[in-house]
Amino acid sequence: MTTARIDDQAETLIIAGEGGRPARAELVGSRARVDARITGGGKTWKATFALRASRWGGAELPLPAGEYELRIDEVLLEGLSIAPTLLPGLRVDLDGHVVRIAPPLDPVYESALGQSTLEERYVAQAGGTENAVFFESFYGQSVGCNPRAIDRELAVQAPGVRRYWSVTDLSVAVPDGAVAVVEGSPEWWRARAAARLLVVNDWLRRRFARKAGQKVLQTWHGTPLKRLALHRPGFDPRRMAAVVKEARRWDVLLAQNPYSARILKKAYAFFGRPIWTEGYPRNDVLRTGDATAIRAALGIGADERVLLYAPTWRDDRTEMVDFVDPELLARQADSVVLVRGHSRTLKPGRDRAGARVIDVTGYPETAQLLLAADGLITDYSSVMFDFSVTGKPMYFLVPDLAHYRGELRGFYFDLADRAPGPLVHTQEELAAALADPGHEAAYASRYAAWQAQFNTRDDGHAAQRVVARILDQGFVTR
């Protein structure tokens, strides 16, 4: 295995070979790939890989950490004579055709002992000392959701506040003016302790020690249909203890609507502390944004119909469900199909491909995809409560409804009775529903009732209200 470390000093991998010069060489990962610049010929050749890539029209960034297949002319490099030559700073251990790209951590801190040392330093460190916010979205795999919207508004209302973003590696772009801190690095531990406010949308994980003067705003990441935390099926004392321990770390909980506030309060035993029912900051763009630039970045024509397929994850599988053949659906519906896996399927999954199919699982902001889409296909995902802000049609593909409702999770209400769109069980039924010209009129009353219950605070100003409350409470100062 070849191990390559990306950092500011070393961003190139060079593979040298003997024999005829190949026509193509590439590194192929689950969510990114790069082509090599091939030089030489005759007896030897050289393939130079820039370990950076640009996606969605953004800046070039280091490749995501993970394993990559090294391919020559579409053939895996088994049995070929290859010697790696690397620029200074790259660590290499050649073993066949696999290149492992690691996050930019000093090797001394990668070990259990190294992390334990940093944790002990973190626990002993005085905290809440810096007028700063520590943001984390989906465990550092992305920089989006409610934390990003709060970051953008905080930069406007309080530009003097320092903004740190927890990221798994430097392939995750942070907002302008923010500071990326790679999870597990000394700076990550230091910023986590020093910031006066932590804004997260999921569990804090790892070892968390509350510091004097430090506050935690838990924005969560969706209005729930499926049962959460203490409400999940089955009695598990360890899970229940973990839920209560985690919820005690939060000072404030953000809810999209009163329904969500009631559910989250009970599911996480979040009693005696404030819940801010202000709508979701991440949905402001659905009221105020323009999809033109988003579609252009995705390579979608202005007149093309766009369908977003965004199912939730399943407790009994690691990868995204495969209930849709996206290339077939693109033909059936004469549409571009965007495929969006859940954040929990980002690392184990692999991008889908096909004519008029774009895998956007790695796209940083779900709300922008909702803005760009003309219709949503989902199942039990909380994305349904966000997309309804747009008023655009929704379709619910639920072939495993009985299993999910009865065994995996269970629901807080009967989706079939209230869904603002048709429930279908096969791709053929889905295609028929997409072709039905009377769809929107048939579900208009349900859709209106749904919006009245779940979207009254999603008015385009949620981030302004949340940041105003952060400043009024003195969590940070202007």
Protein backbone atom coordinates (compact mmCIF):
# COMPACT_ATOMS: atom_id res chain seq x y z
CA MET A 1 0.00 0.00 0.00
CA THR A 2 1.22 3.50 -0.81
CA THR A 3 0.49 6.02 1.92
CA ALA A 4 0.51 9.68 0.96
CA ARG A 5 0.06 12.55 3.36
CA ILE A 6 -1.35 15.83 2.09
CA ASP A 7 -0.16 19.03 3.69
CA ASP A 8 0.97 22.49 2.63
CA GLN A 9 4.46 21.26 1.76
CA ALA A 10 3.59 18.18 -0.29
CA GLU A 11 0.67 18.01 -2.68
CA THR A 12 2.05 15.89 -5.49
CA LEU A 13 2.49 12.17 -5.97
CA ILE A 14 4.86 10.92 -8.66
CA ILE A 15 4.84 7.32 -9.86
CA ALA A 16 7.68 6.16 -12.12
CA GLY A 17 7.44 3.05 -14.27
CA GLU A 18 9.38 1.08 -16.84
CA GLY A 19 8.32 0.01 -20.30
CA GLY A 20 5.87 1.57 -22.72
CA ARG A 21 4.33 4.87 -21.73
CA PRO A 22 0.65 4.51 -20.72
CA ALA A 23 -2.00 6.70 -22.30
CA ARG A 24 -3.71 7.44 -19.00
CA ALA A 25 -3.15 7.17 -15.27
CA GLU A 26 -5.61 8.08 -12.53
CA LEU A 27 -6.29 7.89 -8.82
CA VAL A 28 -9.88 6.75 -8.22
CA GLY A 29 -11.54 7.25 -4.83
CA SER A 30 -15.11 6.85 -3.65
CA ARG A 31 -15.89 10.59 -3.91
CA ALA A 32 -13.09 12.02 -6.06
CA ARG A 33 -10.66 11.14 -8.83
CA VAL A 34 -7.68 12.85 -10.46
CA ASP A 35 -5.79 12.25 -13.72
CA ALA A 36 -2.01 12.27 -13.90
CA ARG A 37 0.24 14.27 -16.18
CA ILE A 38 2.30 11.61 -17.96
CA THR A 39 5.78 12.36 -19.22
CA GLY A 40 8.71 10.38 -20.57
CA GLY A 41 8.71 7.42 -22.90
CA GLY A 42 10.96 4.72 -24.20
CA LYS A 43 12.41 2.84 -21.25
CA THR A 44 10.82 4.88 -18.44
CA TRP A 45 7.82 7.10 -17.85
CA LYS A 46 6.51 9.23 -15.00
CA ALA A 47 2.94 9.93 -13.85
CA THR A 48 2.55 13.07 -11.75
CA PHE A 49 -0.62 13.44 -9.70
CA ALA A 50 -1.60 16.82 -8.26
CA LEU A 51 -3.30 15.76 -5.06
CA ARG A 52 -5.93 18.49 -5.38
CA ALA A 53 -9.25 18.75 -7.11
CA SER A 54 -12.02 21.26 -7.70
CA ARG A 55 -15.65 20.22 -7.38
CA TRP A 56 -18.84 22.11 -8.09
CA GLY A 57 -16.92 25.06 -9.50
CA GLY A 58 -15.15 25.79 -6.22
CA ALA A 59 -11.50 26.28 -5.39
CA GLU A 60 -8.97 23.49 -5.75
CA LEU A 61 -8.63 21.67 -2.43
CA PRO A 62 -6.67 18.64 -1.20
CA LEU A 63 -8.27 15.30 -2.01
CA PRO A 64 -10.50 13.79 0.67
CA ALA A 65 -8.70 11.41 2.98
CA GLY A 66 -9.20 7.73 2.17
CA GLU A 67 -8.09 4.97 -0.14
CA TYR A 68 -7.61 5.47 -3.88
CA GLU A 69 -7.04 2.90 -6.60
CA LEU A 70 -4.07 3.66 -8.79
CA ARG A 71 -5.01 2.80 -12.38
CA ILE A 72 -3.07 2.80 -15.63
CA ASP A 73 -5.18 2.74 -18.80
CA GLU A 74 -8.14 1.58 -16.67
CA VAL A 75 -6.13 -1.43 -15.44
CA LEU A 76 -5.25 -1.83 -11.77
CA LEU A 77 -1.53 -1.77 -11.17
CA GLU A 78 -1.04 -5.30 -9.91
CA GLY A 79 2.08 -7.02 -11.14
CA LEU A 80 3.62 -3.93 -12.75
CA SER A 81 7.06 -2.65 -11.84
CA ILE A 82 6.49 0.74 -10.20
CA ALA A 83 8.69 2.83 -7.96
CA PRO A 84 7.16 5.79 -6.13
CA THR A 85 9.03 9.07 -6.12
CA LEU A 86 7.52 11.67 -3.82
CA LEU A 87 8.06 15.30 -3.10
CA PRO A 88 9.37 16.11 0.40
CA GLY A 89 6.87 15.62 3.18
CA LEU A 90 4.96 12.66 1.75
CA ARG A 91 5.13 9.38 3.64
CA VAL A 92 5.06 6.31 1.38
CA ASP A 93 4.82 2.60 1.91
CA LEU A 94 4.27 0.96 -1.48
CA ASP A 95 2.11 -2.14 -1.55
CA GLY A 96 0.34 -2.82 -4.83
CA HIS A 97 -2.13 -0.39 -6.32
CA VAL A 98 -3.70 1.31 -3.30
CA VAL A 99 -2.80 4.85 -2.25
CA ARG A 100 -4.00 5.95 1.15
CA ILE A 101 -4.31 9.70 1.67
CA ALA A 102 -4.32 10.64 5.32
CA PRO A 103 -5.55 13.80 7.05
CA PRO A 104 -2.81 16.36 7.65
CA LEU A 105 -1.94 15.34 11.20
CA ASP A 106 1.57 15.07 12.54
CA PRO A 107 2.18 11.29 12.86
CA VAL A 108 3.11 11.75 16.51
CA TYR A 109 -0.52 12.64 17.27
CA GLU A 110 -2.14 9.81 15.29
CA SER A 111 -1.49 7.13 17.87
CA ALA A 112 -3.72 6.41 20.85
CA LEU A 113 -0.97 7.76 23.08
CA GLY A 114 -0.69 10.95 21.04
CA GLN A 115 -4.43 11.62 21.19
CA SER A 116 -4.54 10.77 24.88
CA THR A 117 -1.83 13.34 25.52
CA LEU A 118 -3.79 16.01 23.64
CA GLU A 119 -6.99 15.11 25.46
CA GLU A 120 -5.30 15.41 28.83
CA ARG A 121 -3.94 18.81 27.82
CA TYR A 122 -7.46 19.80 26.67
CA VAL A 123 -9.07 18.76 29.95
CA ALA A 124 -6.53 20.77 31.93
CA GLN A 125 -6.74 23.82 29.66
CA ALA A 126 -8.59 26.90 30.84
CA GLY A 127 -11.53 27.38 28.49
CA GLY A 128 -13.98 29.92 27.19
CA THR A 129 -11.13 32.42 26.97
CA GLU A 130 -11.49 33.50 23.34
CA ASN A 131 -14.26 35.54 21.75
CA ALA A 132 -14.73 32.78 19.21
CA VAL A 133 -17.19 30.16 17.97
CA PHE A 134 -16.29 26.54 17.30
CA PHE A 135 -18.53 25.17 14.52
CA GLU A 136 -19.04 21.53 13.57
CA SER A 137 -21.48 20.06 11.05
CA PHE A 138 -22.03 16.32 10.71
CA TYR A 139 -18.85 15.42 12.58
CA GLY A 140 -16.67 17.63 10.39
CA GLN A 141 -17.50 15.81 7.16
CA SER A 142 -19.09 18.94 5.70
CA VAL A 143 -19.43 22.65 6.37
CA GLY A 144 -23.12 23.27 5.91
CA CYS A 145 -26.55 22.96 7.51
CA ASN A 146 -27.61 25.31 10.31
CA PRO A 147 -24.08 25.95 11.61
CA ARG A 148 -22.97 27.34 8.24
CA ALA A 149 -25.98 29.66 7.98
CA ILE A 150 -25.28 30.92 11.50
CA ASP A 151 -21.62 31.43 10.60
CA ARG A 152 -22.54 33.55 7.58
CA GLU A 153 -24.90 35.75 9.60
CA LEU A 154 -22.49 36.03 12.51
CA ALA A 155 -19.82 37.29 10.10
CA VAL A 156 -22.21 40.11 9.19
CA GLN A 157 -23.48 41.03 12.66
CA ALA A 158 -20.25 40.45 14.62
CA PRO A 159 -17.27 40.43 12.26
CA GLY A 160 -14.82 40.63 15.17
CA VAL A 161 -15.74 37.14 16.41
CA ARG A 162 -13.23 34.47 15.41
CA ARG A 163 -14.83 31.46 13.71
CA TYR A 164 -13.26 27.98 13.86
CA TRP A 165 -14.57 25.07 11.80
CA SER A 166 -13.96 21.44 12.73
CA VAL A 167 -13.15 19.42 9.57
CA THR A 168 -12.05 15.85 8.98
CA ASP A 169 -9.45 17.01 6.46
CA LEU A 170 -8.63 19.98 4.26
CA SER A 171 -10.84 18.80 1.40
CA VAL A 172 -13.71 20.39 3.35
CA ALA A 173 -13.89 24.07 2.42
CA VAL A 174 -14.68 26.53 5.21
CA PRO A 175 -16.47 29.88 4.77
CA ASP A 176 -14.54 33.04 3.97
CA GLY A 177 -12.75 34.41 7.01
CA ALA A 178 -13.10 31.21 9.04
CA VAL A 179 -10.26 29.02 10.30
CA ALA A 180 -10.20 25.29 9.52
CA VAL A 181 -9.03 23.03 12.36
CA VAL A 182 -8.50 19.38 11.49
CA GLU A 183 -10.12 16.98 13.93
CA GLY A 184 -7.63 15.50 16.35
CA SER A 185 -4.94 18.10 15.72
CA PRO A 186 -3.47 20.16 18.59
CA GLU A 187 -5.18 23.27 17.19
CA TRP A 188 -8.53 21.43 17.07
CA TRP A 189 -8.32 20.52 20.74
CA ARG A 190 -7.15 24.02 21.67
CA ALA A 191 -9.91 25.82 19.71
CA ARG A 192 -12.55 23.48 21.10
CA ALA A 193 -11.60 24.53 24.62
CA ALA A 194 -10.88 28.20 23.99
CA ALA A 195 -14.05 29.17 22.08
CA ARG A 196 -16.75 30.74 24.20
CA LEU A 197 -19.49 29.16 22.06
CA LEU A 198 -19.76 25.80 20.32
CA VAL A 199 -22.37 25.48 17.54
CA VAL A 200 -22.98 21.88 16.46
CA ASN A 201 -25.71 19.98 14.64
CA ASP A 202 -25.07 16.51 16.04
CA TRP A 203 -23.49 14.85 19.04
CA LEU A 204 -20.25 16.33 20.36
CA ARG A 205 -18.61 12.89 20.44
CA ARG A 206 -15.08 12.40 21.65
CA ARG A 207 -14.20 13.55 25.13
CA PHE A 208 -15.93 16.82 25.90
CA ALA A 209 -15.13 18.82 29.01
CA ARG A 210 -17.26 21.89 29.62
CA LYS A 211 -15.23 24.95 30.42
CA ALA A 212 -16.25 27.84 32.63
CA GLY A 213 -17.86 30.52 30.51
CA GLN A 214 -18.41 28.16 27.58
CA LYS A 215 -21.84 27.54 25.97
CA VAL A 216 -23.12 24.93 23.52
CA LEU A 217 -25.84 25.66 20.95
CA GLN A 218 -27.22 22.43 19.51
CA THR A 219 -28.97 23.27 16.23
CA TRP A 220 -29.87 19.66 15.40
CA HIS A 221 -30.38 18.77 11.74
CA GLY A 222 -34.01 18.19 10.99
CA THR A 223 -37.61 17.97 12.13
CA PRO A 224 -38.16 14.30 12.98
CA LEU A 225 -40.58 11.87 11.40
CA LYS A 226 -38.62 8.84 12.58
CA ARG A 227 -38.24 8.17 16.30
CA LEU A 228 -35.10 9.53 17.94
CA ALA A 229 -32.86 8.90 20.93
CA LEU A 230 -34.93 7.78 23.96
CA HIS A 231 -37.91 7.11 21.68
CA ARG A 232 -36.15 4.55 19.47
CA PRO A 233 -37.56 1.00 19.60
CA GLY A 234 -36.08 -1.41 22.12
CA PHE A 235 -34.81 -0.86 25.64
CA ASP A 236 -31.06 -0.29 25.74
CA PRO A 237 -29.80 1.12 29.07
CA ARG A 238 -26.40 2.06 27.62
CA ARG A 239 -27.99 4.02 24.77
CA MET A 240 -30.34 5.77 27.17
CA ALA A 241 -27.47 6.75 29.46
CA ALA A 242 -25.47 8.05 26.49
CA VAL A 243 -28.44 10.14 25.28
CA VAL A 244 -28.95 11.78 28.66
CA LYS A 245 -25.21 12.41 29.08
CA GLU A 246 -25.00 14.04 25.65
CA ALA A 247 -28.06 16.24 26.12
CA ARG A 248 -26.67 17.57 29.39
CA ARG A 249 -23.79 19.06 27.40
CA TRP A 250 -26.13 21.41 25.51
CA ASP A 251 -27.17 24.80 26.85
CA VAL A 252 -29.62 25.72 24.09
CA LEU A 253 -31.48 23.62 21.53
CA LEU A 254 -32.72 25.02 18.22
CA ALA A 255 -36.00 23.78 16.74
CA GLN A 256 -37.53 24.37 13.32
CA ASN A 257 -41.10 24.47 14.65
CA PRO A 258 -43.17 23.86 17.82
CA TYR A 259 -43.80 20.23 16.85
CA SER A 260 -40.06 19.59 16.66
CA ALA A 261 -39.44 21.42 19.93
CA ARG A 262 -41.85 19.09 21.75
CA ILE A 263 -40.33 15.95 20.25
CA LEU A 264 -36.68 16.91 20.83
CA LYS A 265 -37.35 18.00 24.38
CA LYS A 266 -38.70 14.57 25.32
CA ALA A 267 -36.46 12.45 23.08
CA TYR A 268 -33.33 13.99 24.62
CA ALA A 269 -34.70 14.67 28.12
CA PHE A 270 -33.83 18.31 27.51
CA PHE A 271 -35.70 19.75 30.46
CA GLY A 272 -35.20 23.05 32.23
CA ARG A 273 -33.14 24.65 29.46
CA PRO A 274 -34.18 26.92 26.60
CA ILE A 275 -35.37 25.76 23.19
CA TRP A 276 -35.25 28.44 20.52
CA THR A 277 -38.09 27.84 18.05
CA GLU A 278 -36.91 30.19 15.33
CA GLY A 279 -37.13 28.19 12.11
CA TYR A 280 -34.03 26.74 10.49
CA PRO A 281 -31.25 29.12 9.40
CA ARG A 282 -30.25 26.65 6.69
CA ASN A 283 -33.62 27.21 5.01
CA ASP A 284 -33.28 30.98 4.66
CA VAL A 285 -31.82 30.47 1.20
CA LEU A 286 -35.02 28.71 0.12
CA ARG A 287 -36.81 32.03 0.56
CA THR A 288 -34.12 34.41 -0.60
CA GLY A 289 -31.80 32.46 -2.92
CA ASP A 290 -31.44 32.10 -6.69
CA ALA A 291 -30.81 28.69 -8.22
CA THR A 292 -29.11 29.98 -11.38
CA ALA A 293 -25.53 29.83 -10.12
CA ILE A 294 -26.11 26.49 -8.38
CA ARG A 295 -27.40 24.87 -11.55
CA ALA A 296 -24.49 26.30 -13.52
CA ALA A 297 -21.98 24.87 -11.02
CA LEU A 298 -23.63 21.46 -11.39
CA GLY A 299 -23.60 21.71 -15.18
CA ILE A 300 -27.39 21.75 -15.52
CA GLY A 301 -29.13 23.72 -18.25
CA ALA A 302 -31.56 26.45 -17.28
CA ASP A 303 -34.52 24.72 -18.94
CA GLU A 304 -33.87 21.17 -17.70
CA ARG A 305 -36.16 19.52 -15.17
CA VAL A 306 -34.21 18.52 -12.04
CA LEU A 307 -35.23 15.77 -9.64
CA LEU A 308 -33.41 15.33 -6.32
CA TYR A 309 -33.35 11.80 -4.87
CA ALA A 310 -32.47 12.14 -1.17
CA PRO A 311 -33.33 9.13 1.02
CA THR A 312 -32.39 8.81 4.67
CA TRP A 313 -29.90 6.26 5.99
CA ARG A 314 -30.86 2.84 7.33
CA ASP A 315 -29.82 1.45 10.70
CA ASP A 316 -29.22 -1.98 9.12
CA ARG A 317 -26.92 -0.93 6.26
CA THR A 318 -23.91 1.33 5.78
CA GLU A 319 -24.40 2.52 2.21
CA MET A 320 -27.20 4.48 0.61
CA VAL A 321 -30.36 2.55 -0.29
CA ASP A 322 -30.57 1.55 -3.96
CA PHE A 323 -34.32 1.68 -4.52
CA VAL A 324 -33.86 3.89 -7.59
CA ASP A 325 -31.97 3.26 -10.82
CA PRO A 326 -31.10 6.93 -11.39
CA GLU A 327 -30.10 6.59 -15.03
CA LEU A 328 -33.37 4.82 -15.85
CA LEU A 329 -35.30 7.44 -13.88
CA ALA A 330 -33.60 10.22 -15.87
CA ARG A 331 -34.94 8.63 -19.06
CA GLN A 332 -38.39 7.88 -17.64
CA ALA A 333 -38.89 11.44 -16.36
CA ASP A 334 -36.82 13.24 -19.01
CA SER A 335 -34.93 14.91 -16.19
CA VAL A 336 -31.54 15.40 -14.62
CA VAL A 337 -31.41 13.26 -11.48
CA LEU A 338 -29.38 14.46 -8.50
CA VAL A 339 -28.50 11.66 -6.07
CA ARG A 340 -27.94 12.79 -2.50
CA GLY A 341 -26.94 10.22 0.11
CA HIS A 342 -27.23 10.89 3.86
CA SER A 343 -24.18 12.21 5.71
CA ARG A 344 -23.79 8.78 7.32
CA THR A 345 -23.27 7.22 3.88
CA LEU A 346 -20.70 9.78 2.72
CA LYS A 347 -17.58 7.82 3.69
CA PRO A 348 -18.64 4.22 3.00
CA GLY A 349 -20.50 4.99 -0.23
CA ARG A 350 -19.32 5.66 -3.76
CA ASP A 351 -20.58 8.23 -6.25
CA ARG A 352 -23.28 7.00 -8.64
CA ALA A 353 -22.76 7.61 -12.34
CA GLY A 354 -24.84 7.60 -15.50
CA ALA A 355 -26.25 9.72 -18.27
CA ARG A 356 -27.96 12.83 -16.81
CA VAL A 357 -27.12 11.60 -13.29
CA ILE A 358 -25.09 13.71 -10.85
CA ASP A 359 -24.10 12.32 -7.47
CA VAL A 360 -24.21 15.26 -5.06
CA THR A 361 -23.66 13.35 -1.81
CA GLY A 362 -20.47 15.34 -1.32
CA TYR A 363 -22.05 18.69 -2.18
CA PRO A 364 -21.55 20.97 0.84
CA GLU A 365 -25.04 22.46 1.25
CA THR A 366 -28.25 20.48 0.97
CA ALA A 367 -30.39 23.62 0.95
CA GLN A 368 -28.80 24.77 -2.30
CA LEU A 369 -29.74 21.45 -3.90
CA LEU A 370 -33.32 21.88 -2.69
CA LEU A 371 -33.35 25.32 -4.25
CA ALA A 372 -32.06 23.96 -7.56
CA ALA A 373 -34.45 20.98 -7.73
CA ASP A 374 -37.89 21.05 -9.36
CA GLY A 375 -39.07 18.05 -7.38
CA LEU A 376 -37.95 15.93 -4.40
CA ILE A 377 -37.97 12.15 -4.12
CA THR A 378 -37.37 11.00 -0.55
CA ASP A 379 -38.65 8.50 1.99
CA TYR A 380 -38.46 9.17 5.75
CA SER A 381 -35.79 11.87 5.65
CA SER A 382 -36.27 15.15 7.48
CA VAL A 383 -35.44 16.84 4.18
CA MET A 384 -39.19 16.70 3.52
CA PHE A 385 -39.74 19.39 6.19
CA ASP A 386 -37.18 21.65 4.53
CA PHE A 387 -38.20 21.16 0.91
CA SER A 388 -41.80 22.06 1.74
CA VAL A 389 -40.62 25.65 2.27
CA THR A 390 -40.33 25.85 -1.54
CA GLY A 391 -43.85 24.61 -2.25
CA LYS A 392 -42.48 22.37 -5.01
CA PRO A 393 -43.77 18.80 -5.47
CA MET A 394 -42.60 15.86 -3.35
CA TYR A 395 -42.76 12.11 -3.93
CA PHE A 396 -42.21 9.44 -1.28
CA LEU A 397 -40.57 6.21 -2.45
CA VAL A 398 -41.12 3.80 0.46
CA PRO A 399 -40.76 0.14 -0.59
CA ASP A 400 -39.61 -0.80 2.94
CA LEU A 401 -42.31 1.17 4.77
CA ALA A 402 -43.60 -1.71 6.91
CA HIS A 403 -40.08 -2.82 7.89
CA TYR A 404 -38.86 0.69 8.70
CA ARG A 405 -41.98 1.66 10.61
CA GLY A 406 -42.39 -1.63 12.46
CA GLU A 407 -38.82 -2.79 13.11
CA LEU A 408 -36.10 -0.23 12.39
CA ARG A 409 -37.33 3.08 13.80
CA GLY A 410 -41.03 3.79 13.97
CA PHE A 411 -42.70 7.15 13.29
CA TYR A 412 -44.14 10.02 15.30
CA PHE A 413 -47.12 10.24 12.94
CA ASP A 414 -48.62 8.27 10.05
CA LEU A 415 -46.89 9.51 6.92
CA ALA A 416 -49.50 7.98 4.65
CA ASP A 417 -52.25 10.07 6.25
CA ARG A 418 -50.46 13.40 6.02
CA ALA A 419 -47.75 13.33 3.36
CA PRO A 420 -47.96 16.28 0.94
CA GLY A 421 -47.32 13.95 -1.98
CA PRO A 422 -47.90 10.37 -3.12
CA LEU A 423 -46.40 7.33 -1.40
CA VAL A 424 -45.11 4.88 -4.03
CA HIS A 425 -43.43 1.50 -3.65
CA THR A 426 -41.69 0.86 -6.98
CA GLN A 427 -39.80 2.88 -9.53
CA GLU A 428 -42.59 2.25 -12.02
CA GLU A 429 -45.12 3.78 -9.62
CA LEU A 430 -42.74 6.68 -9.09
CA ALA A 431 -42.42 7.29 -12.83
CA ALA A 432 -46.22 7.27 -13.18
CA ALA A 433 -46.61 9.76 -10.33
CA LEU A 434 -43.99 12.05 -11.87
CA ALA A 435 -45.93 12.01 -15.14
CA ASP A 436 -49.30 12.76 -13.50
CA PRO A 437 -50.35 16.33 -14.45
CA GLY A 438 -52.89 16.42 -11.62
CA HIS A 439 -50.39 15.64 -8.86
CA GLU A 440 -50.00 19.10 -7.37
CA ALA A 441 -53.71 19.90 -7.36
CA ALA A 442 -54.50 16.56 -5.70
CA TYR A 443 -52.18 17.28 -2.76
CA ALA A 444 -52.66 21.05 -2.49
CA SER A 445 -54.72 20.99 0.72
CA ARG A 446 -52.36 18.55 2.43
CA TYR A 447 -49.38 20.62 1.36
CA ALA A 448 -50.92 23.80 2.80
CA ALA A 449 -51.66 22.07 6.12
CA TRP A 450 -48.12 20.69 6.22
CA GLN A 451 -46.57 24.12 5.68
CA ALA A 452 -48.83 25.66 8.31
CA GLN A 453 -47.60 23.18 10.90
CA PHE A 454 -43.93 22.89 10.04
CA ASN A 455 -42.76 25.98 8.10
CA THR A 456 -44.30 29.06 9.71
CA ARG A 457 -40.92 30.26 11.04
CA ASP A 458 -39.00 29.45 7.85
CA ASP A 459 -39.41 32.98 6.54
CA GLY A 460 -35.89 33.75 5.34
CA HIS A 461 -34.81 35.48 8.56
CA ALA A 462 -34.11 32.58 10.94
CA ALA A 463 -30.33 33.10 10.95
CA GLN A 464 -30.79 36.77 11.83
CA ARG A 465 -32.98 35.88 14.80
CA VAL A 466 -30.66 33.14 16.06
CA VAL A 467 -27.54 35.31 15.84
CA ALA A 468 -29.37 38.19 17.51
CA ARG A 469 -30.20 35.88 20.42
CA ILE A 470 -26.60 34.63 20.59
CA LEU A 471 -25.39 38.22 20.91
CA ASP A 472 -28.17 39.27 23.31
CA GLN A 473 -27.30 36.36 25.59
CA GLY A 474 -23.64 37.40 25.56
CA PHE A 475 -22.42 34.03 24.30
CA VAL A 476 -19.96 36.07 22.21
CA THR A 477 -19.55 39.83 21.82
CA ARG A 478 -19.45 42.04 18.78
